[in-house]
């Protein structure tokens, strides 16, 4: 499964938007590390969802935390909220779902 964000990349050097490749089409910056981070995020996201589906909340939380560490943002916060909800930590789930992760543990 590929996410919509996994189809395009913005070069951190020149801000050009392009399909994924190892180098930027405009400035020729090396994008391999960025690609590796995106791939690792996707792998942890899939693992989190599989762990939730198979009733392994601690594994789901671990993977969701990795996602949030790699790419903090609304998607990772929602994933963490879901993982906390499944794990039974309602306070943290509500904090991440509301967009206020400072109110709960990460």
Protein backbone atom coordinates (compact mmCIF):
# COMPACT_ATOMS: atom_id res chain seq x y z
CA UNK A 1 0.00 0.00 0.00
CA UNK A 2 1.41 3.39 -0.91
CA UNK A 3 0.29 6.66 0.60
CA UNK A 4 -0.40 9.73 -1.45
CA UNK A 5 2.61 11.37 0.20
CA UNK A 6 4.83 8.52 -0.92
CA UNK A 7 4.32 9.26 -4.61
CA UNK A 8 5.85 12.73 -4.64
CA UNK A 9 8.76 14.34 -2.83
CA UNK A 10 9.81 17.95 -2.27
CA UNK A 11 13.55 18.53 -2.46
CA UNK A 12 14.71 20.03 0.84
CA UNK A 13 17.39 22.03 -0.98
CA UNK A 14 15.59 23.72 -3.87
CA UNK A 15 11.95 22.84 -2.97
CA UNK A 16 11.25 21.26 -6.38
CA UNK A 17 8.38 18.76 -6.32
CA UNK A 18 8.95 15.56 -8.25
CA UNK A 19 8.35 11.84 -8.21
CA UNK A 20 10.67 9.87 -5.96
CA UNK A 21 14.21 9.38 -7.21
CA UNK A 22 17.67 9.24 -5.70
CA UNK A 23 18.56 12.74 -6.90
CA UNK A 24 16.67 15.97 -7.39
CA UNK A 25 15.86 16.66 -11.02
CA UNK A 26 16.60 20.37 -10.60
CA UNK A 27 19.57 20.78 -8.22
CA UNK A 28 20.90 17.19 -8.25
CA UNK A 29 20.84 16.90 -4.43
CA UNK A 30 21.08 13.39 -3.04
CA UNK A 31 17.64 12.29 -1.85
CA UNK A 32 18.50 8.73 -0.80
CA UNK A 33 18.35 9.46 2.94
CA UNK A 34 14.98 11.16 2.53
CA UNK A 35 13.73 8.14 0.59
CA UNK A 36 15.02 5.81 3.31
CA UNK A 37 13.17 7.77 6.02
CA UNK A 38 9.93 7.69 4.00
CA UNK A 39 10.28 3.96 3.42
CA UNK A 40 11.00 3.31 7.11
CA UNK A 41 7.98 5.42 8.09
CA UNK A 42 5.77 3.40 5.76
CA UNK A 43 7.09 0.11 7.11
CA UNK A 44 6.44 1.16 10.73
CA UNK A 45 2.98 2.47 9.81
CA UNK A 46 2.02 -0.82 8.18
CA UNK A 47 3.41 -2.75 11.15
CA UNK A 48 1.41 -0.58 13.56
CA UNK A 49 -1.84 -1.18 11.68
CA UNK A 50 -1.16 -4.93 11.47
CA UNK A 51 -0.40 -5.04 15.19
CA UNK A 52 -3.66 -3.24 15.93
CA UNK A 53 -5.54 -5.64 13.67
CA UNK A 54 -4.05 -8.69 15.38
CA UNK A 55 -4.46 -7.45 18.96
CA UNK A 56 -0.87 -6.52 19.84
CA UNK A 57 -1.23 -3.01 21.33
CA UNK A 58 2.31 -2.69 22.72
CA UNK A 59 3.81 -3.42 19.29
CA UNK A 60 1.36 -0.98 17.72
CA UNK A 61 2.44 1.74 20.15
CA UNK A 62 6.12 1.08 19.50
CA UNK A 63 5.63 1.37 15.74
CA UNK A 64 3.42 4.46 16.06
CA UNK A 65 6.06 6.14 18.21
CA UNK A 66 8.69 5.39 15.55
CA UNK A 67 6.44 7.00 12.94
CA UNK A 68 5.99 10.09 15.10
CA UNK A 69 9.73 10.30 15.69
CA UNK A 70 10.52 9.97 11.96
CA UNK A 71 7.89 12.37 10.67
CA UNK A 72 5.92 14.25 13.32
CA UNK A 73 2.69 15.67 12.01
CA UNK A 74 -1.06 15.12 11.81
CA UNK A 75 -0.83 11.63 10.27
CA UNK A 76 1.59 10.36 12.91
CA UNK A 77 -0.50 11.95 15.68
CA UNK A 78 -3.64 10.19 14.43
CA UNK A 79 -1.76 6.89 14.29
CA UNK A 80 -0.52 7.41 17.85
CA UNK A 81 -4.03 8.30 19.00
CA UNK A 82 -5.35 5.08 17.50
CA UNK A 83 -2.55 3.01 19.06
CA UNK A 84 -3.13 4.59 22.48
CA UNK A 85 -6.87 3.99 22.14
CA UNK A 86 -6.31 0.30 21.39
CA UNK A 87 -3.86 0.08 24.29
CA UNK A 88 -6.50 1.51 26.64
CA UNK A 89 -4.78 4.83 27.39
CA UNK A 90 -7.78 7.09 26.82
CA UNK A 91 -6.08 10.27 28.06
CA UNK A 92 -3.15 9.98 25.66
CA UNK A 93 -5.47 8.94 22.82
CA UNK A 94 -7.61 12.03 23.38
CA UNK A 95 -4.56 14.28 23.62
CA UNK A 96 -3.10 13.07 20.32
CA UNK A 97 -6.49 13.04 18.59
CA UNK A 98 -7.08 16.66 19.60
CA UNK A 99 -3.70 17.68 18.24
CA UNK A 100 -2.24 18.46 21.68
CA UNK A 101 0.40 15.74 22.20
CA UNK A 102 1.93 17.80 25.01
CA UNK A 103 -1.06 16.83 27.12
CA UNK A 104 -0.21 13.14 26.97
CA UNK A 105 2.83 10.85 26.96
CA UNK A 106 4.75 10.18 23.74
